[in-house]
mmCIF file of all heavy atoms, coordinates in Angstrom:
data_MODEL
# 
_entry.id   MODEL 
# 
loop_
_atom_site.group_PDB 
_atom_site.id 
_atom_site.type_symbol 
_atom_site.label_atom_id 
_atom_site.label_alt_id 
_atom_site.label_comp_id 
_atom_site.label_asym_id 
_atom_site.label_entity_id 
_atom_site.label_seq_id 
_atom_site.pdbx_PDB_ins_code 
_atom_site.Cartn_x 
_atom_site.Cartn_y 
_atom_site.Cartn_z 
_atom_site.occupancy 
_atom_site.B_iso_or_equiv 
_atom_site.pdbx_formal_charge 
_atom_site.auth_seq_id 
_atom_site.auth_comp_id 
_atom_site.auth_asym_id 
_atom_site.auth_atom_id 
_atom_site.pdbx_PDB_model_num 
ATOM 1   N N   . VAL A 1 1  ? -37.012 -16.546 -55.634 1.00 0.00 ? 1  VAL A N   1 
ATOM 2   C CA  . VAL A 1 1  ? -37.103 -15.635 -56.745 1.00 0.00 ? 1  VAL A CA  1 
ATOM 3   C C   . VAL A 1 1  ? -35.896 -15.668 -57.652 1.00 0.00 ? 1  VAL A C   1 
ATOM 4   O O   . VAL A 1 1  ? -34.787 -15.496 -57.133 1.00 0.00 ? 1  VAL A O   1 
ATOM 5   C CB  . VAL A 1 1  ? -37.293 -14.185 -56.142 1.00 0.00 ? 1  VAL A CB  1 
ATOM 6   C CG1 . VAL A 1 1  ? -37.452 -13.212 -57.262 1.00 0.00 ? 1  VAL A CG1 1 
ATOM 7   C CG2 . VAL A 1 1  ? -38.555 -14.116 -55.280 1.00 0.00 ? 1  VAL A CG2 1 
ATOM 8   N N   . GLY A 1 2  ? -36.124 -15.819 -58.900 1.00 0.00 ? 2  GLY A N   1 
ATOM 9   C CA  . GLY A 1 2  ? -35.006 -15.923 -59.848 1.00 0.00 ? 2  GLY A CA  1 
ATOM 10  C C   . GLY A 1 2  ? -34.170 -17.186 -59.600 1.00 0.00 ? 2  GLY A C   1 
ATOM 11  O O   . GLY A 1 2  ? -33.033 -17.186 -59.836 1.00 0.00 ? 2  GLY A O   1 
ATOM 12  N N   . GLY A 1 3  ? -34.910 -18.201 -59.231 1.00 0.00 ? 3  GLY A N   1 
ATOM 13  C CA  . GLY A 1 3  ? -34.233 -19.518 -58.735 1.00 0.00 ? 3  GLY A CA  1 
ATOM 14  C C   . GLY A 1 3  ? -33.679 -20.400 -59.912 1.00 0.00 ? 3  GLY A C   1 
ATOM 15  O O   . GLY A 1 3  ? -33.141 -21.409 -59.538 1.00 0.00 ? 3  GLY A O   1 
ATOM 16  N N   . GLY A 1 4  ? -33.906 -20.008 -61.141 1.00 0.00 ? 4  GLY A N   1 
ATOM 17  C CA  . GLY A 1 4  ? -33.190 -20.750 -62.250 1.00 0.00 ? 4  GLY A CA  1 
ATOM 18  C C   . GLY A 1 4  ? -33.478 -22.211 -62.211 1.00 0.00 ? 4  GLY A C   1 
ATOM 19  O O   . GLY A 1 4  ? -34.597 -22.652 -62.226 1.00 0.00 ? 4  GLY A O   1 
ATOM 20  N N   . SER A 1 5  ? -32.357 -22.950 -62.174 1.00 0.00 ? 5  SER A N   1 
ATOM 21  C CA  . SER A 1 5  ? -32.459 -24.425 -62.302 1.00 0.00 ? 5  SER A CA  1 
ATOM 22  C C   . SER A 1 5  ? -32.738 -25.088 -61.024 1.00 0.00 ? 5  SER A C   1 
ATOM 23  O O   . SER A 1 5  ? -32.838 -26.361 -60.944 1.00 0.00 ? 5  SER A O   1 
ATOM 24  C CB  . SER A 1 5  ? -31.130 -24.943 -62.878 1.00 0.00 ? 5  SER A CB  1 
ATOM 25  O OG  . SER A 1 5  ? -30.066 -24.585 -62.036 1.00 0.00 ? 5  SER A OG  1 
ATOM 26  N N   . GLY A 1 6  ? -33.036 -24.322 -59.961 1.00 0.00 ? 6  GLY A N   1 
ATOM 27  C CA  . GLY A 1 6  ? -33.620 -24.891 -58.703 1.00 0.00 ? 6  GLY A CA  1 
ATOM 28  C C   . GLY A 1 6  ? -32.609 -25.460 -57.709 1.00 0.00 ? 6  GLY A C   1 
ATOM 29  O O   . GLY A 1 6  ? -33.031 -26.191 -56.862 1.00 0.00 ? 6  GLY A O   1 
ATOM 30  N N   . ARG A 1 7  ? -31.365 -24.999 -57.870 1.00 0.00 ? 7  ARG A N   1 
ATOM 31  C CA  . ARG A 1 7  ? -30.323 -25.652 -56.923 1.00 0.00 ? 7  ARG A CA  1 
ATOM 32  C C   . ARG A 1 7  ? -30.675 -25.399 -55.458 1.00 0.00 ? 7  ARG A C   1 
ATOM 33  O O   . ARG A 1 7  ? -30.587 -26.302 -54.693 1.00 0.00 ? 7  ARG A O   1 
ATOM 34  C CB  . ARG A 1 7  ? -28.989 -25.064 -57.174 1.00 0.00 ? 7  ARG A CB  1 
ATOM 35  C CG  . ARG A 1 7  ? -28.761 -23.621 -56.879 1.00 0.00 ? 7  ARG A CG  1 
ATOM 36  C CD  . ARG A 1 7  ? -27.312 -23.233 -57.092 1.00 0.00 ? 7  ARG A CD  1 
ATOM 37  N NE  . ARG A 1 7  ? -27.072 -21.816 -56.777 1.00 0.00 ? 7  ARG A NE  1 
ATOM 38  C CZ  . ARG A 1 7  ? -26.010 -21.448 -56.064 1.00 0.00 ? 7  ARG A CZ  1 
ATOM 39  N NH1 . ARG A 1 7  ? -25.138 -22.306 -55.654 1.00 0.00 ? 7  ARG A NH1 1 
ATOM 40  N NH2 . ARG A 1 7  ? -25.868 -20.207 -55.741 1.00 0.00 ? 7  ARG A NH2 1 
ATOM 41  N N   . ASN A 1 8  ? -31.203 -24.228 -55.153 1.00 0.00 ? 8  ASN A N   1 
ATOM 42  C CA  . ASN A 1 8  ? -31.617 -23.901 -53.807 1.00 0.00 ? 8  ASN A CA  1 
ATOM 43  C C   . ASN A 1 8  ? -32.953 -24.520 -53.439 1.00 0.00 ? 8  ASN A C   1 
ATOM 44  O O   . ASN A 1 8  ? -33.220 -25.003 -52.345 1.00 0.00 ? 8  ASN A O   1 
ATOM 45  C CB  . ASN A 1 8  ? -31.570 -22.412 -53.478 1.00 0.00 ? 8  ASN A CB  1 
ATOM 46  C CG  . ASN A 1 8  ? -30.245 -21.871 -53.558 1.00 0.00 ? 8  ASN A CG  1 
ATOM 47  O OD1 . ASN A 1 8  ? -29.259 -22.484 -53.071 1.00 0.00 ? 8  ASN A OD1 1 
ATOM 48  N ND2 . ASN A 1 8  ? -30.108 -20.751 -54.182 1.00 0.00 ? 8  ASN A ND2 1 
ATOM 49  N N   . ALA A 1 9  ? -33.840 -24.424 -54.412 1.00 0.00 ? 9  ALA A N   1 
ATOM 50  C CA  . ALA A 1 9  ? -35.268 -24.873 -54.146 1.00 0.00 ? 9  ALA A CA  1 
ATOM 51  C C   . ALA A 1 9  ? -35.292 -26.402 -53.911 1.00 0.00 ? 9  ALA A C   1 
ATOM 52  O O   . ALA A 1 9  ? -36.018 -26.821 -53.001 1.00 0.00 ? 9  ALA A O   1 
ATOM 53  C CB  . ALA A 1 9  ? -36.115 -24.539 -55.422 1.00 0.00 ? 9  ALA A CB  1 
ATOM 54  N N   . VAL A 1 10 ? -34.619 -27.175 -54.709 1.00 0.00 ? 10 VAL A N   1 
ATOM 55  C CA  . VAL A 1 10 ? -34.627 -28.615 -54.555 1.00 0.00 ? 10 VAL A CA  1 
ATOM 56  C C   . VAL A 1 10 ? -33.998 -28.981 -53.192 1.00 0.00 ? 10 VAL A C   1 
ATOM 57  O O   . VAL A 1 10 ? -34.542 -29.811 -52.411 1.00 0.00 ? 10 VAL A O   1 
ATOM 58  C CB  . VAL A 1 10 ? -33.905 -29.296 -55.772 1.00 0.00 ? 10 VAL A CB  1 
ATOM 59  C CG1 . VAL A 1 10 ? -33.710 -30.766 -55.374 1.00 0.00 ? 10 VAL A CG1 1 
ATOM 60  C CG2 . VAL A 1 10 ? -34.686 -29.025 -57.038 1.00 0.00 ? 10 VAL A CG2 1 
ATOM 61  N N   . TRP A 1 11 ? -32.904 -28.366 -52.854 1.00 0.00 ? 11 TRP A N   1 
ATOM 62  C CA  . TRP A 1 11 ? -32.314 -28.635 -51.499 1.00 0.00 ? 11 TRP A CA  1 
ATOM 63  C C   . TRP A 1 11 ? -33.269 -28.367 -50.350 1.00 0.00 ? 11 TRP A C   1 
ATOM 64  O O   . TRP A 1 11 ? -33.445 -29.124 -49.493 1.00 0.00 ? 11 TRP A O   1 
ATOM 65  C CB  . TRP A 1 11 ? -30.999 -27.848 -51.425 1.00 0.00 ? 11 TRP A CB  1 
ATOM 66  C CG  . TRP A 1 11 ? -30.208 -28.200 -50.201 1.00 0.00 ? 11 TRP A CG  1 
ATOM 67  C CD1 . TRP A 1 11 ? -29.509 -29.292 -49.867 1.00 0.00 ? 11 TRP A CD1 1 
ATOM 68  C CD2 . TRP A 1 11 ? -30.206 -27.341 -49.036 1.00 0.00 ? 11 TRP A CD2 1 
ATOM 69  N NE1 . TRP A 1 11 ? -28.994 -29.174 -48.640 1.00 0.00 ? 11 TRP A NE1 1 
ATOM 70  C CE2 . TRP A 1 11 ? -29.381 -28.031 -48.037 1.00 0.00 ? 11 TRP A CE2 1 
ATOM 71  C CE3 . TRP A 1 11 ? -30.719 -26.112 -48.699 1.00 0.00 ? 11 TRP A CE3 1 
ATOM 72  C CZ2 . TRP A 1 11 ? -29.072 -27.472 -46.792 1.00 0.00 ? 11 TRP A CZ2 1 
ATOM 73  C CZ3 . TRP A 1 11 ? -30.392 -25.595 -47.372 1.00 0.00 ? 11 TRP A CZ3 1 
ATOM 74  C CH2 . TRP A 1 11 ? -29.594 -26.214 -46.545 1.00 0.00 ? 11 TRP A CH2 1 
ATOM 75  N N   . LEU A 1 12 ? -33.994 -27.190 -50.451 1.00 0.00 ? 12 LEU A N   1 
ATOM 76  C CA  . LEU A 1 12 ? -34.898 -26.792 -49.400 1.00 0.00 ? 12 LEU A CA  1 
ATOM 77  C C   . LEU A 1 12 ? -36.055 -27.810 -49.364 1.00 0.00 ? 12 LEU A C   1 
ATOM 78  O O   . LEU A 1 12 ? -36.528 -28.149 -48.252 1.00 0.00 ? 12 LEU A O   1 
ATOM 79  C CB  . LEU A 1 12 ? -35.324 -25.382 -49.585 1.00 0.00 ? 12 LEU A CB  1 
ATOM 80  C CG  . LEU A 1 12 ? -34.381 -24.253 -49.318 1.00 0.00 ? 12 LEU A CG  1 
ATOM 81  C CD1 . LEU A 1 12 ? -34.877 -22.876 -49.939 1.00 0.00 ? 12 LEU A CD1 1 
ATOM 82  C CD2 . LEU A 1 12 ? -34.080 -24.147 -47.783 1.00 0.00 ? 12 LEU A CD2 1 
ATOM 83  N N   . ALA A 1 13 ? -36.549 -28.170 -50.493 1.00 0.00 ? 13 ALA A N   1 
ATOM 84  C CA  . ALA A 1 13 ? -37.648 -29.140 -50.528 1.00 0.00 ? 13 ALA A CA  1 
ATOM 85  C C   . ALA A 1 13 ? -37.176 -30.445 -49.882 1.00 0.00 ? 13 ALA A C   1 
ATOM 86  O O   . ALA A 1 13 ? -37.972 -31.152 -49.159 1.00 0.00 ? 13 ALA A O   1 
ATOM 87  C CB  . ALA A 1 13 ? -38.100 -29.440 -51.947 1.00 0.00 ? 13 ALA A CB  1 
ATOM 88  N N   . GLY A 1 14 ? -35.972 -30.823 -50.011 1.00 0.00 ? 14 GLY A N   1 
ATOM 89  C CA  . GLY A 1 14 ? -35.426 -32.063 -49.410 1.00 0.00 ? 14 GLY A CA  1 
ATOM 90  C C   . GLY A 1 14 ? -35.383 -31.895 -47.897 1.00 0.00 ? 14 GLY A C   1 
ATOM 91  O O   . GLY A 1 14 ? -35.349 -32.933 -47.145 1.00 0.00 ? 14 GLY A O   1 
ATOM 92  N N   . LEU A 1 15 ? -35.432 -30.671 -47.371 1.00 0.00 ? 15 LEU A N   1 
ATOM 93  C CA  . LEU A 1 15 ? -35.429 -30.459 -45.929 1.00 0.00 ? 15 LEU A CA  1 
ATOM 94  C C   . LEU A 1 15 ? -36.887 -30.416 -45.405 1.00 0.00 ? 15 LEU A C   1 
ATOM 95  O O   . LEU A 1 15 ? -37.138 -30.270 -44.152 1.00 0.00 ? 15 LEU A O   1 
ATOM 96  C CB  . LEU A 1 15 ? -34.739 -29.165 -45.556 1.00 0.00 ? 15 LEU A CB  1 
ATOM 97  C CG  . LEU A 1 15 ? -33.252 -29.085 -45.853 1.00 0.00 ? 15 LEU A CG  1 
ATOM 98  C CD1 . LEU A 1 15 ? -32.716 -27.617 -45.519 1.00 0.00 ? 15 LEU A CD1 1 
ATOM 99  C CD2 . LEU A 1 15 ? -32.519 -30.124 -45.145 1.00 0.00 ? 15 LEU A CD2 1 
ATOM 100 N N   . GLY A 1 16 ? -37.900 -30.631 -46.286 1.00 0.00 ? 16 GLY A N   1 
ATOM 101 C CA  . GLY A 1 16 ? -39.234 -30.689 -45.874 1.00 0.00 ? 16 GLY A CA  1 
ATOM 102 C C   . GLY A 1 16 ? -40.029 -29.349 -46.090 1.00 0.00 ? 16 GLY A C   1 
ATOM 103 O O   . GLY A 1 16 ? -41.185 -29.286 -45.635 1.00 0.00 ? 16 GLY A O   1 
ATOM 104 N N   . HIS A 1 17 ? -39.472 -28.434 -46.722 1.00 0.00 ? 17 HIS A N   1 
ATOM 105 C CA  . HIS A 1 17 ? -40.126 -27.158 -47.029 1.00 0.00 ? 17 HIS A CA  1 
ATOM 106 C C   . HIS A 1 17 ? -40.968 -27.231 -48.314 1.00 0.00 ? 17 HIS A C   1 
ATOM 107 O O   . HIS A 1 17 ? -40.668 -28.037 -49.163 1.00 0.00 ? 17 HIS A O   1 
ATOM 108 C CB  . HIS A 1 17 ? -39.169 -26.045 -47.152 1.00 0.00 ? 17 HIS A CB  1 
ATOM 109 C CG  . HIS A 1 17 ? -38.309 -25.794 -45.866 1.00 0.00 ? 17 HIS A CG  1 
ATOM 110 N ND1 . HIS A 1 17 ? -38.807 -25.347 -44.714 1.00 0.00 ? 17 HIS A ND1 1 
ATOM 111 C CD2 . HIS A 1 17 ? -36.962 -25.975 -45.705 1.00 0.00 ? 17 HIS A CD2 1 
ATOM 112 C CE1 . HIS A 1 17 ? -37.841 -25.311 -43.819 1.00 0.00 ? 17 HIS A CE1 1 
ATOM 113 N NE2 . HIS A 1 17 ? -36.685 -25.727 -44.456 1.00 0.00 ? 17 HIS A NE2 1 
ATOM 114 N N   . ALA A 1 18 ? -41.993 -26.478 -48.376 1.00 0.00 ? 18 ALA A N   1 
ATOM 115 C CA  . ALA A 1 18 ? -42.851 -26.303 -49.549 1.00 0.00 ? 18 ALA A CA  1 
ATOM 116 C C   . ALA A 1 18 ? -42.293 -25.187 -50.355 1.00 0.00 ? 18 ALA A C   1 
ATOM 117 O O   . ALA A 1 18 ? -42.453 -23.999 -49.895 1.00 0.00 ? 18 ALA A O   1 
ATOM 118 C CB  . ALA A 1 18 ? -44.346 -26.093 -49.161 1.00 0.00 ? 18 ALA A CB  1 
ATOM 119 N N   . VAL A 1 19 ? -41.704 -25.468 -51.402 1.00 0.00 ? 19 VAL A N   1 
ATOM 120 C CA  . VAL A 1 19 ? -40.865 -24.437 -52.232 1.00 0.00 ? 19 VAL A CA  1 
ATOM 121 C C   . VAL A 1 19 ? -41.600 -24.177 -53.588 1.00 0.00 ? 19 VAL A C   1 
ATOM 122 O O   . VAL A 1 19 ? -41.922 -25.090 -54.327 1.00 0.00 ? 19 VAL A O   1 
ATOM 123 C CB  . VAL A 1 19 ? -39.474 -24.916 -52.408 1.00 0.00 ? 19 VAL A CB  1 
ATOM 124 C CG1 . VAL A 1 19 ? -38.609 -23.790 -53.033 1.00 0.00 ? 19 VAL A CG1 1 
ATOM 125 C CG2 . VAL A 1 19 ? -38.898 -25.302 -51.119 1.00 0.00 ? 19 VAL A CG2 1 
ATOM 126 N N   . THR A 1 20 ? -41.625 -22.917 -53.938 1.00 0.00 ? 20 THR A N   1 
ATOM 127 C CA  . THR A 1 20 ? -42.049 -22.431 -55.273 1.00 0.00 ? 20 THR A CA  1 
ATOM 128 C C   . THR A 1 20 ? -40.817 -21.721 -55.784 1.00 0.00 ? 20 THR A C   1 
ATOM 129 O O   . THR A 1 20 ? -40.223 -20.792 -55.194 1.00 0.00 ? 20 THR A O   1 
ATOM 130 C CB  . THR A 1 20 ? -43.216 -21.413 -55.193 1.00 0.00 ? 20 THR A CB  1 
ATOM 131 O OG1 . THR A 1 20 ? -44.326 -22.077 -54.594 1.00 0.00 ? 20 THR A OG1 1 
ATOM 132 C CG2 . THR A 1 20 ? -43.555 -20.902 -56.517 1.00 0.00 ? 20 THR A CG2 1 
ATOM 133 N N   . VAL A 1 21 ? -40.370 -22.068 -56.986 1.00 0.00 ? 21 VAL A N   1 
ATOM 134 C CA  . VAL A 1 21 ? -39.312 -21.421 -57.699 1.00 0.00 ? 21 VAL A CA  1 
ATOM 135 C C   . VAL A 1 21 ? -39.876 -20.602 -58.806 1.00 0.00 ? 21 VAL A C   1 
ATOM 136 O O   . VAL A 1 21 ? -40.637 -21.110 -59.608 1.00 0.00 ? 21 VAL A O   1 
ATOM 137 C CB  . VAL A 1 21 ? -38.153 -22.361 -58.096 1.00 0.00 ? 21 VAL A CB  1 
ATOM 138 C CG1 . VAL A 1 21 ? -38.620 -23.515 -59.021 1.00 0.00 ? 21 VAL A CG1 1 
ATOM 139 C CG2 . VAL A 1 21 ? -36.955 -21.657 -58.692 1.00 0.00 ? 21 VAL A CG2 1 
ATOM 140 N N   . ALA A 1 22 ? -39.495 -19.318 -58.883 1.00 0.00 ? 22 ALA A N   1 
ATOM 141 C CA  . ALA A 1 22 ? -40.051 -18.492 -59.950 1.00 0.00 ? 22 ALA A CA  1 
ATOM 142 C C   . ALA A 1 22 ? -38.843 -17.933 -60.791 1.00 0.00 ? 22 ALA A C   1 
ATOM 143 O O   . ALA A 1 22 ? -37.809 -17.514 -60.146 1.00 0.00 ? 22 ALA A O   1 
ATOM 144 C CB  . ALA A 1 22 ? -40.793 -17.242 -59.447 1.00 0.00 ? 22 ALA A CB  1 
ATOM 145 N N   . ASP A 1 23 ? -38.911 -18.051 -62.081 1.00 0.00 ? 23 ASP A N   1 
ATOM 146 C CA  . ASP A 1 23 ? -37.819 -17.566 -62.935 1.00 0.00 ? 23 ASP A CA  1 
ATOM 147 C C   . ASP A 1 23 ? -38.351 -17.283 -64.323 1.00 0.00 ? 23 ASP A C   1 
ATOM 148 O O   . ASP A 1 23 ? -39.425 -17.722 -64.709 1.00 0.00 ? 23 ASP A O   1 
ATOM 149 C CB  . ASP A 1 23 ? -36.764 -18.691 -63.073 1.00 0.00 ? 23 ASP A CB  1 
ATOM 150 C CG  . ASP A 1 23 ? -35.444 -18.156 -63.594 1.00 0.00 ? 23 ASP A CG  1 
ATOM 151 O OD1 . ASP A 1 23 ? -35.277 -18.091 -64.761 1.00 0.00 ? 23 ASP A OD1 1 
ATOM 152 O OD2 . ASP A 1 23 ? -34.652 -17.794 -62.692 1.00 0.00 ? 23 ASP A OD2 1 
ATOM 153 N N   . VAL A 1 24 ? -37.623 -16.469 -65.097 1.00 0.00 ? 24 VAL A N   1 
ATOM 154 C CA  . VAL A 1 24 ? -38.006 -16.141 -66.493 1.00 0.00 ? 24 VAL A CA  1 
ATOM 155 C C   . VAL A 1 24 ? -37.729 -17.199 -67.404 1.00 0.00 ? 24 VAL A C   1 
ATOM 156 O O   . VAL A 1 24 ? -38.392 -17.299 -68.476 1.00 0.00 ? 24 VAL A O   1 
ATOM 157 C CB  . VAL A 1 24 ? -37.333 -14.711 -66.885 1.00 0.00 ? 24 VAL A CB  1 
ATOM 158 C CG1 . VAL A 1 24 ? -35.843 -15.047 -67.193 1.00 0.00 ? 24 VAL A CG1 1 
ATOM 159 C CG2 . VAL A 1 24 ? -37.965 -14.211 -68.117 1.00 0.00 ? 24 VAL A CG2 1 
ATOM 160 N N   . SER A 1 25 ? -36.847 -18.102 -67.123 1.00 0.00 ? 25 SER A N   1 
ATOM 161 C CA  . SER A 1 25 ? -36.373 -19.114 -68.096 1.00 0.00 ? 25 SER A CA  1 
ATOM 162 C C   . SER A 1 25 ? -37.217 -20.392 -67.883 1.00 0.00 ? 25 SER A C   1 
ATOM 163 O O   . SER A 1 25 ? -37.182 -21.120 -66.919 1.00 0.00 ? 25 SER A O   1 
ATOM 164 C CB  . SER A 1 25 ? -34.897 -19.500 -67.819 1.00 0.00 ? 25 SER A CB  1 
ATOM 165 O OG  . SER A 1 25 ? -34.590 -20.592 -68.576 1.00 0.00 ? 25 SER A OG  1 
ATOM 166 N N   . THR A 1 26 ? -37.953 -20.760 -69.030 1.00 0.00 ? 26 THR A N   1 
ATOM 167 C CA  . THR A 1 26 ? -38.627 -21.951 -69.045 1.00 0.00 ? 26 THR A CA  1 
ATOM 168 C C   . THR A 1 26 ? -37.727 -23.172 -68.995 1.00 0.00 ? 26 THR A C   1 
ATOM 169 O O   . THR A 1 26 ? -38.034 -24.189 -68.382 1.00 0.00 ? 26 THR A O   1 
ATOM 170 C CB  . THR A 1 26 ? -39.617 -22.045 -70.238 1.00 0.00 ? 26 THR A CB  1 
ATOM 171 O OG1 . THR A 1 26 ? -38.818 -21.938 -71.382 1.00 0.00 ? 26 THR A OG1 1 
ATOM 172 C CG2 . THR A 1 26 ? -40.731 -21.008 -70.178 1.00 0.00 ? 26 THR A CG2 1 
# 
């Protein structure tokens, strides 16, 4: 939530997780 440019989401996806990042900024 509020993941912006995805620094945490991309790292978690690299660990094999299915990640959704939601943010106000396109």
